[in-house]
Protein backbone atom coordinates (compact mmCIF):
# COMPACT_ATOMS: atom_id res chain seq x y z
CA VAL A 1 -99.67 45.92 -90.96
CA GLN A 2 -97.13 47.44 -93.30
CA LEU A 3 -96.53 46.75 -96.97
CA GLN A 4 -93.33 47.70 -98.75
CA ALA A 5 -93.33 47.47 -102.53
CA TYR A 6 -90.16 47.54 -104.57
CA GLY A 7 -88.72 46.42 -107.89
CA GLY A 8 -90.07 49.08 -110.21
CA GLY A 9 -87.94 50.85 -112.76
CA LEU A 10 -87.50 51.86 -116.37
CA MET A 11 -87.82 49.15 -118.99
CA GLN A 12 -88.14 49.02 -122.75
CA ALA A 13 -91.27 47.62 -124.32
CA GLY A 14 -91.14 43.85 -124.49
CA GLY A 15 -89.01 43.57 -121.39
CA SER A 16 -89.75 42.08 -117.98
CA LEU A 17 -89.81 43.28 -114.40
CA ARG A 18 -90.66 41.58 -111.13
CA LEU A 19 -92.29 43.59 -108.39
CA SER A 20 -92.10 42.43 -104.80
CA CYS A 21 -94.10 43.47 -101.78
CA LYS A 22 -92.97 42.66 -98.26
CA PHE A 23 -95.72 42.25 -95.68
CA SER A 24 -95.08 42.78 -91.97
CA GLY A 25 -96.95 43.27 -88.73
CA GLY A 26 -99.79 40.85 -89.28
CA ALA A 27 -100.85 37.37 -90.30
CA PHE A 28 -99.68 37.19 -93.89
CA HIS A 29 -101.05 33.70 -94.46
CA SER A 30 -104.64 34.82 -93.78
CA ASN A 31 -104.57 37.79 -96.15
CA ALA A 32 -105.57 37.93 -99.76
CA LEU A 33 -103.18 40.11 -101.74
CA GLY A 34 -103.56 42.31 -104.75
CA TRP A 35 -101.74 44.62 -107.11
CA PHE A 36 -103.26 47.81 -108.41
CA ARG A 37 -101.84 50.56 -110.58
CA GLN A 38 -102.47 54.20 -111.29
CA ALA A 39 -101.29 55.95 -114.41
CA PRO A 40 -101.02 59.74 -114.62
CA GLU A 41 -104.43 61.41 -114.76
CA LYS A 42 -106.20 58.05 -114.51
CA GLU A 43 -108.02 56.28 -111.73
CA ARG A 44 -106.42 53.46 -109.84
CA GLU A 45 -107.21 50.12 -111.45
CA PHE A 46 -107.06 46.47 -110.49
CA VAL A 47 -104.18 44.44 -111.91
CA ALA A 48 -104.03 41.06 -110.17
CA ALA A 49 -105.03 39.31 -106.96
CA ILE A 50 -104.28 36.07 -105.17
CA SER A 51 -106.30 34.34 -102.47
CA TRP A 52 -104.97 33.72 -98.97
CA SER A 53 -104.39 30.08 -99.86
CA GLY A 54 -102.71 30.86 -103.15
CA ASP A 55 -105.14 28.54 -104.93
CA HIS A 56 -106.97 31.28 -106.80
CA THR A 57 -105.60 34.09 -108.91
CA TYR A 58 -107.36 36.84 -110.83
CA TYR A 59 -106.15 39.22 -113.51
CA ALA A 60 -107.33 42.27 -115.35
CA ASP A 61 -107.96 41.53 -119.01
CA SER A 62 -105.25 44.00 -119.98
CA VAL A 63 -102.52 41.96 -118.27
CA LYS A 64 -103.84 38.41 -118.59
CA GLY A 65 -101.23 36.14 -120.11
CA ARG A 66 -98.42 38.63 -119.47
CA PHE A 67 -98.43 39.14 -115.69
CA THR A 68 -98.29 36.51 -112.96
CA ILE A 69 -99.03 37.06 -109.29
CA SER A 70 -97.60 34.71 -106.70
CA ARG A 71 -96.97 34.58 -102.98
CA ASP A 72 -94.30 33.11 -100.73
CA ASP A 73 -95.70 32.64 -97.25
CA ALA A 74 -92.27 31.73 -95.88
CA LYS A 75 -91.00 35.17 -96.89
CA ASN A 76 -94.23 37.12 -96.28
CA THR A 77 -93.90 38.44 -99.80
CA VAL A 78 -96.16 38.75 -102.82
CA TYR A 79 -94.74 39.08 -106.32
CA LEU A 80 -95.91 40.40 -109.65
CA GLN A 81 -93.95 39.04 -112.60
CA MET A 82 -94.52 41.32 -115.56
CA ASN A 83 -93.52 40.11 -119.01
CA SER A 84 -93.99 41.56 -122.49
CA LEU A 85 -94.30 45.01 -121.00
CA LYS A 86 -96.09 47.69 -122.99
CA PRO A 87 -95.93 51.50 -122.71
CA GLU A 88 -99.51 51.43 -121.42
CA ASP A 89 -98.28 49.47 -118.39
CA THR A 90 -96.56 52.64 -117.20
CA ALA A 91 -97.97 53.50 -113.78
CA VAL A 92 -97.34 53.53 -110.07
CA TYR A 93 -97.99 50.00 -108.84
CA TYR A 94 -99.43 49.42 -105.39
CA CYS A 95 -99.67 46.23 -103.40
CA ALA A 96 -102.56 45.72 -101.03
CA ALA A 97 -103.74 43.18 -98.49
CA ALA A 98 -107.25 42.12 -97.55
CA ASP A 99 -107.90 40.43 -94.24
CA GLY A 100 -110.11 37.75 -95.66
CA LEU A 101 -111.54 37.00 -99.06
CA VAL A 102 -109.81 38.03 -102.26
CA GLY A 103 -111.40 40.82 -104.24
CA LEU A 104 -111.02 42.84 -107.39
CA HIS A 105 -112.16 46.16 -105.96
CA ASP A 106 -109.79 48.40 -104.06
CA ALA A 107 -112.45 49.09 -101.42
CA LEU A 108 -112.10 45.49 -100.25
CA TYR A 109 -108.46 45.94 -99.25
CA ASP A 110 -107.48 46.96 -95.76
CA TYR A 111 -103.79 47.76 -96.12
CA TRP A 112 -101.78 49.47 -98.84
CA GLY A 113 -98.13 49.87 -99.71
CA GLN A 114 -96.54 53.10 -100.82
CA GLY A 115 -96.26 52.26 -104.53
CA THR A 116 -93.40 51.68 -106.92
CA GLN A 117 -93.02 53.38 -110.31
CA VAL A 118 -92.91 51.32 -113.48
CA THR A 119 -92.06 53.13 -116.70
CA VAL A 120 -92.09 51.36 -120.05
CA SER A 121 -90.56 53.12 -123.02
CA SER A 122 -91.53 52.39 -126.60
């Protein structure tokens, strides 16, 4: 399985970005998917997750109401729509896939993408 994340960039506070993550080499429809991020000198943290069915989504409190995770099984792609961006959202964002149940902990994920940088200026 390979995951390719893209869509990061530089954005002013209050702006929006949409991250995409292309999944290949496995059964996308049976994988739960998640987004994590890691800011400089900080530990990687959970951002959002979506179940294999797409029926259940989960968000970190810090992004709830601003970020939306979604999946398109026809395109083997998971998205993270990020609105009302804040400087504290600056981080490298990673997509991950779990062969089974959705989870909020990075240890539950089997496959990881390479990360895409998001920088939010004030």
